[in-house]
Amino acid sequence: MKTLLLNNWKAKVASLLVAIAVWWLVKGHVQRPTMPFFPIPGTQNVDCSRTTGDHIA
């Protein structure tokens, strides 16, 4: 078991450091506040529930 853990220990430590760095970057990206919403004209749904009467177009 000792040889399994100590064989190529430098590569294992380097892999662990890379994994921690990737985890840190992903965690920082997920916790970042969302970008402000800028609606694109013609892409939003129209709310038809506020009509004053039953109109058929």
PDB file of N, CA and C in Angstrom:
ATOM      1  N   MET A   1       0.825  -1.185   0.000  1.00  0.00           N
ATOM      2  CA  MET A   1       0.000   0.000   0.000  1.00  0.00           C
ATOM      3  C   MET A   1       0.876   1.259   0.000  1.00  0.00           C
ATOM      4  N   LYS A   2       1.980   1.183   0.713  1.00  0.00           N
ATOM      5  CA  LYS A   2       2.883   2.324   0.797  1.00  0.00           C
ATOM      6  C   LYS A   2       3.475   2.647  -0.569  1.00  0.00           C
ATOM      7  N   THR A   3       3.839   1.617  -1.326  1.00  0.00           N
ATOM      8  CA  THR A   3       4.414   1.864  -2.657  1.00  0.00           C
ATOM      9  C   THR A   3       3.353   2.402  -3.615  1.00  0.00           C
ATOM     10  N   LEU A   4       2.094   2.008  -3.420  1.00  0.00           N
ATOM     11  CA  LEU A   4       1.013   2.516  -4.268  1.00  0.00           C
ATOM     12  C   LEU A   4       0.826   4.019  -4.070  1.00  0.00           C
ATOM     13  N   LEU A   5       0.922   4.465  -2.820  1.00  0.00           N
ATOM     14  CA  LEU A   5       0.740   5.881  -2.524  1.00  0.00           C
ATOM     15  C   LEU A   5       1.971   6.715  -2.875  1.00  0.00           C
ATOM     16  N   LEU A   6       3.158   6.160  -2.688  1.00  0.00           N
ATOM     17  CA  LEU A   6       4.376   6.938  -2.885  1.00  0.00           C
ATOM     18  C   LEU A   6       4.939   6.842  -4.302  1.00  0.00           C
ATOM     19  N   ASN A   7       4.399   5.958  -5.124  1.00  0.00           N
ATOM     20  CA  ASN A   7       4.858   5.840  -6.501  1.00  0.00           C
ATOM     21  C   ASN A   7       4.329   7.041  -7.305  1.00  0.00           C
ATOM     22  N   ASN A   8       5.229   7.779  -7.965  1.00  0.00           N
ATOM     23  CA  ASN A   8       4.889   8.983  -8.741  1.00  0.00           C
ATOM     24  C   ASN A   8       4.209  10.041  -7.868  1.00  0.00           C
ATOM     25  N   TRP A   9       4.742  10.288  -6.683  1.00  0.00           N
ATOM     26  CA  TRP A   9       4.106  11.219  -5.766  1.00  0.00           C
ATOM     27  C   TRP A   9       4.121  12.647  -6.280  1.00  0.00           C
ATOM     28  N   LYS A  10       5.124  13.005  -7.064  1.00  0.00           N
ATOM     29  CA  LYS A  10       5.181  14.367  -7.599  1.00  0.00           C
ATOM     30  C   LYS A  10       4.028  14.611  -8.573  1.00  0.00           C
ATOM     31  N   ALA A  11       3.749  13.633  -9.414  1.00  0.00           N
ATOM     32  CA  ALA A  11       2.635  13.765 -10.362  1.00  0.00           C
ATOM     33  C   ALA A  11       1.305  13.802  -9.619  1.00  0.00           C
ATOM     34  N   LYS A  12       1.176  13.041  -8.552  1.00  0.00           N
ATOM     35  CA  LYS A  12      -0.062  13.027  -7.781  1.00  0.00           C
ATOM     36  C   LYS A  12      -0.291  14.359  -7.080  1.00  0.00           C
ATOM     37  N   VAL A  13       0.754  14.951  -6.537  1.00  0.00           N
ATOM     38  CA  VAL A  13       0.628  16.256  -5.885  1.00  0.00           C
ATOM     39  C   VAL A  13       0.288  17.329  -6.917  1.00  0.00           C
ATOM     40  N   ALA A  14       0.928  17.266  -8.082  1.00  0.00           N
ATOM     41  CA  ALA A  14       0.633  18.231  -9.140  1.00  0.00           C
ATOM     42  C   ALA A  14      -0.818  18.093  -9.603  1.00  0.00           C
ATOM     43  N   SER A  15      -1.313  16.878  -9.743  1.00  0.00           N
ATOM     44  CA  SER A  15      -2.704  16.646 -10.139  1.00  0.00           C
ATOM     45  C   SER A  15      -3.666  17.192  -9.090  1.00  0.00           C
ATOM     46  N   LEU A  16      -3.334  17.008  -7.829  1.00  0.00           N
ATOM     47  CA  LEU A  16      -4.173  17.527  -6.760  1.00  0.00           C
ATOM     48  C   LEU A  16      -4.230  19.054  -6.796  1.00  0.00           C
ATOM     49  N   LEU A  17      -3.095  19.690  -7.025  1.00  0.00           N
ATOM     50  CA  LEU A  17      -3.064  21.155  -7.104  1.00  0.00           C
ATOM     51  C   LEU A  17      -3.864  21.669  -8.301  1.00  0.00           C
ATOM     52  N   VAL A  18      -3.763  20.997  -9.433  1.00  0.00           N
ATOM     53  CA  VAL A  18      -4.544  21.398 -10.613  1.00  0.00           C
ATOM     54  C   VAL A  18      -6.031  21.210 -10.341  1.00  0.00           C
ATOM     55  N   ALA A  19      -6.401  20.119  -9.701  1.00  0.00           N
ATOM     56  CA  ALA A  19      -7.812  19.877  -9.389  1.00  0.00           C
ATOM     57  C   ALA A  19      -8.356  20.939  -8.440  1.00  0.00           C
ATOM     58  N   ILE A  20      -7.575  21.339  -7.453  1.00  0.00           N
ATOM     59  CA  ILE A  20      -8.004  22.385  -6.520  1.00  0.00           C
ATOM     60  C   ILE A  20      -8.144  23.709  -7.250  1.00  0.00           C
ATOM     61  N   ALA A  21      -7.230  24.020  -8.161  1.00  0.00           N
ATOM     62  CA  ALA A  21      -7.305  25.268  -8.918  1.00  0.00           C
ATOM     63  C   ALA A  21      -8.548  25.309  -9.808  1.00  0.00           C
ATOM     64  N   VAL A  22      -8.857  24.207 -10.463  1.00  0.00           N
ATOM     65  CA  VAL A  22     -10.053  24.147 -11.320  1.00  0.00           C
ATOM     66  C   VAL A  22     -11.304  24.273 -10.468  1.00  0.00           C
ATOM     67  N   TRP A  23     -11.357  23.600  -9.333  1.00  0.00           N
ATOM     68  CA  TRP A  23     -12.502  23.696  -8.428  1.00  0.00           C
ATOM     69  C   TRP A  23     -12.688  25.126  -7.959  1.00  0.00           C
ATOM     70  N   TRP A  24     -11.603  25.817  -7.619  1.00  0.00           N
ATOM     71  CA  TRP A  24     -11.668  27.193  -7.141  1.00  0.00           C
ATOM     72  C   TRP A  24     -12.206  28.117  -8.232  1.00  0.00           C
ATOM     73  N   LEU A  25     -11.757  27.921  -9.476  1.00  0.00           N
ATOM     74  CA  LEU A  25     -12.241  28.742 -10.581  1.00  0.00           C
ATOM     75  C   LEU A  25     -13.724  28.513 -10.852  1.00  0.00           C
ATOM     76  N   VAL A  26     -14.153  27.268 -10.837  1.00  0.00           N
ATOM     77  CA  VAL A  26     -15.579  26.964 -11.069  1.00  0.00           C
ATOM     78  C   VAL A  26     -16.431  27.519  -9.935  1.00  0.00           C
ATOM     79  N   LYS A  27     -15.973  27.369  -8.711  1.00  0.00           N
ATOM     80  CA  LYS A  27     -16.719  27.879  -7.558  1.00  0.00           C
ATOM     81  C   LYS A  27     -16.864  29.392  -7.644  1.00  0.00           C
ATOM     82  N   GLY A  28     -15.813  30.083  -8.040  1.00  0.00           N
ATOM     83  CA  GLY A  28     -15.880  31.531  -8.188  1.00  0.00           C
ATOM     84  C   GLY A  28     -16.809  31.959  -9.304  1.00  0.00           C
ATOM     85  N   HIS A  29     -16.874  31.174 -10.367  1.00  0.00           N
ATOM     86  CA  HIS A  29     -17.755  31.508 -11.484  1.00  0.00           C
ATOM     87  C   HIS A  29     -19.215  31.279 -11.117  1.00  0.00           C
ATOM     88  N   VAL A  30     -19.502  30.240 -10.361  1.00  0.00           N
ATOM     89  CA  VAL A  30     -20.882  29.928  -9.988  1.00  0.00           C
ATOM     90  C   VAL A  30     -21.414  30.956  -9.003  1.00  0.00           C
ATOM     91  N   GLN A  31     -20.586  31.455  -8.113  1.00  0.00           N
ATOM     92  CA  GLN A  31     -21.031  32.398  -7.093  1.00  0.00           C
ATOM     93  C   GLN A  31     -21.085  33.839  -7.595  1.00  0.00           C
ATOM     94  N   ARG A  32     -20.617  34.090  -8.803  1.00  0.00           N
ATOM     95  CA  ARG A  32     -20.620  35.438  -9.336  1.00  0.00           C
ATOM     96  C   ARG A  32     -22.061  35.884  -9.587  1.00  0.00           C
ATOM     97  N   PRO A  33     -22.393  37.146  -9.274  1.00  0.00           N
ATOM     98  CA  PRO A  33     -23.756  37.601  -9.543  1.00  0.00           C
ATOM     99  C   PRO A  33     -24.048  37.573 -11.040  1.00  0.00           C
ATOM    100  N   THR A  34     -25.308  37.372 -11.356  1.00  0.00           N
ATOM    101  CA  THR A  34     -25.694  37.272 -12.760  1.00  0.00           C
ATOM    102  C   THR A  34     -25.574  38.623 -13.438  1.00  0.00           C
ATOM    103  N   MET A  35     -25.428  38.576 -14.724  1.00  0.00           N
ATOM    104  CA  MET A  35     -25.340  39.798 -15.511  1.00  0.00           C
ATOM    105  C   MET A  35     -26.711  40.467 -15.539  1.00  0.00           C
ATOM    106  N   PRO A  36     -26.753  41.802 -15.633  1.00  0.00           N
ATOM    107  CA  PRO A  36     -28.055  42.466 -15.728  1.00  0.00           C
ATOM    108  C   PRO A  36     -28.773  42.051 -17.006  1.00  0.00           C
ATOM    109  N   PHE A  37     -30.081  41.987 -16.927  1.00  0.00           N
ATOM    110  CA  PHE A  37     -30.880  41.517 -18.044  1.00  0.00           C
ATOM    111  C   PHE A  37     -31.211  42.683 -18.965  1.00  0.00           C
ATOM    112  N   PHE A  38     -30.799  42.591 -20.208  1.00  0.00           N
ATOM    113  CA  PHE A  38     -31.136  43.572 -21.225  1.00  0.00           C
ATOM    114  C   PHE A  38     -32.018  42.875 -22.253  1.00  0.00           C
ATOM    115  N   PRO A  39     -33.319  43.186 -22.260  1.00  0.00           N
ATOM    116  CA  PRO A  39     -34.207  42.485 -23.192  1.00  0.00           C
ATOM    117  C   PRO A  39     -33.921  42.858 -24.643  1.00  0.00           C
ATOM    118  N   ILE A  40     -34.023  41.880 -25.498  1.00  0.00           N
ATOM    119  CA  ILE A  40     -33.856  42.092 -26.930  1.00  0.00           C
ATOM    120  C   ILE A  40     -35.244  42.336 -27.505  1.00  0.00           C
ATOM    121  N   PRO A  41     -35.442  43.413 -28.243  1.00  0.00           N
ATOM    122  CA  PRO A  41     -36.772  43.723 -28.773  1.00  0.00           C
ATOM    123  C   PRO A  41     -37.322  42.570 -29.610  1.00  0.00           C
ATOM    124  N   GLY A  42     -38.596  42.258 -29.377  1.00  0.00           N
ATOM    125  CA  GLY A  42     -39.262  41.216 -30.135  1.00  0.00           C
ATOM    126  C   GLY A  42     -39.087  39.821 -29.592  1.00  0.00           C
ATOM    127  N   THR A  43     -38.432  39.652 -28.434  1.00  0.00           N
ATOM    128  CA  THR A  43     -38.196  38.310 -27.916  1.00  0.00           C
ATOM    129  C   THR A  43     -38.984  38.012 -26.655  1.00  0.00           C
ATOM    130  N   GLN A  44     -39.638  38.999 -26.061  1.00  0.00           N
ATOM    131  CA  GLN A  44     -40.369  38.752 -24.825  1.00  0.00           C
ATOM    132  C   GLN A  44     -41.803  38.356 -25.118  1.00  0.00           C
ATOM    133  N   ASN A  45     -42.368  37.542 -24.214  1.00  0.00           N
ATOM    134  CA  ASN A  45     -43.754  37.126 -24.343  1.00  0.00           C
ATOM    135  C   ASN A  45     -44.686  38.266 -23.954  1.00  0.00           C
ATOM    136  N   VAL A  46     -45.820  38.343 -24.599  1.00  0.00           N
ATOM    137  CA  VAL A  46     -46.808  39.371 -24.304  1.00  0.00           C
ATOM    138  C   VAL A  46     -47.779  38.797 -23.282  1.00  0.00           C
ATOM    139  N   ASP A  47     -48.031  39.566 -22.221  1.00  0.00           N
ATOM    140  CA  ASP A  47     -48.965  39.131 -21.181  1.00  0.00           C
ATOM    141  C   ASP A  47     -50.376  39.510 -21.612  1.00  0.00           C
ATOM    142  N   CYS A  48     -51.175  38.523 -21.973  1.00  0.00           N
ATOM    143  CA  CYS A  48     -52.528  38.762 -22.465  1.00  0.00           C
ATOM    144  C   CYS A  48     -53.557  38.743 -21.353  1.00  0.00           C
ATOM    145  N   SER A  49     -53.147  38.542 -20.119  1.00  0.00           N
ATOM    146  CA  SER A  49     -54.116  38.441 -19.020  1.00  0.00           C
ATOM    147  C   SER A  49     -54.621  39.799 -18.575  1.00  0.00           C
ATOM    148  N   ARG A  50     -54.058  40.885 -19.025  1.00  0.00           N
ATOM    149  CA  ARG A  50     -54.472  42.224 -18.595  1.00  0.00           C
ATOM    150  C   ARG A  50     -55.376  42.918 -19.607  1.00  0.00           C
ATOM    151  N   THR A  51     -55.979  42.191 -20.476  1.00  0.00           N
ATOM    152  CA  THR A  51     -56.874  42.816 -21.458  1.00  0.00           C
ATOM    153  C   THR A  51     -58.163  43.229 -20.775  1.00  0.00           C
ATOM    154  N   THR A  52     -58.798  44.282 -21.301  1.00  0.00           N
ATOM    155  CA  THR A  52     -60.017  44.797 -20.703  1.00  0.00           C
ATOM    156  C   THR A  52     -61.260  44.063 -21.184  1.00  0.00           C
ATOM    157  N   GLY A  53     -61.167  43.346 -22.252  1.00  0.00           N
ATOM    158  CA  GLY A  53     -62.314  42.603 -22.776  1.00  0.00           C
ATOM    159  C   GLY A  53     -61.848  41.417 -23.587  1.00  0.00           C
ATOM    160  N   ASP A  54     -62.812  40.638 -24.005  1.00  0.00           N
ATOM    161  CA  ASP A  54     -62.474  39.483 -24.838  1.00  0.00           C
ATOM    162  C   ASP A  54     -62.431  39.911 -26.287  1.00  0.00           C
ATOM    163  N   HIS A  55     -61.257  40.108 -26.810  1.00  0.00           N
ATOM    164  CA  HIS A  55     -61.079  40.535 -28.189  1.00  0.00           C
ATOM    165  C   HIS A  55     -60.463  39.391 -28.974  1.00  0.00           C
ATOM    166  N   ILE A  56     -60.986  39.144 -30.113  1.00  0.00           N
ATOM    167  CA  ILE A  56     -60.442  38.115 -30.990  1.00  0.00           C
ATOM    168  C   ILE A  56     -59.824  38.821 -32.175  1.00  0.00           C
ATOM    169  N   ALA A  57     -58.563  38.565 -32.386  1.00  0.00           N
ATOM    170  CA  ALA A  57     -57.869  39.244 -33.479  1.00  0.00           C
ATOM    171  C   ALA A  57     -57.979  38.438 -34.755  1.00  0.00           C
TER     172      ALA A  57
END
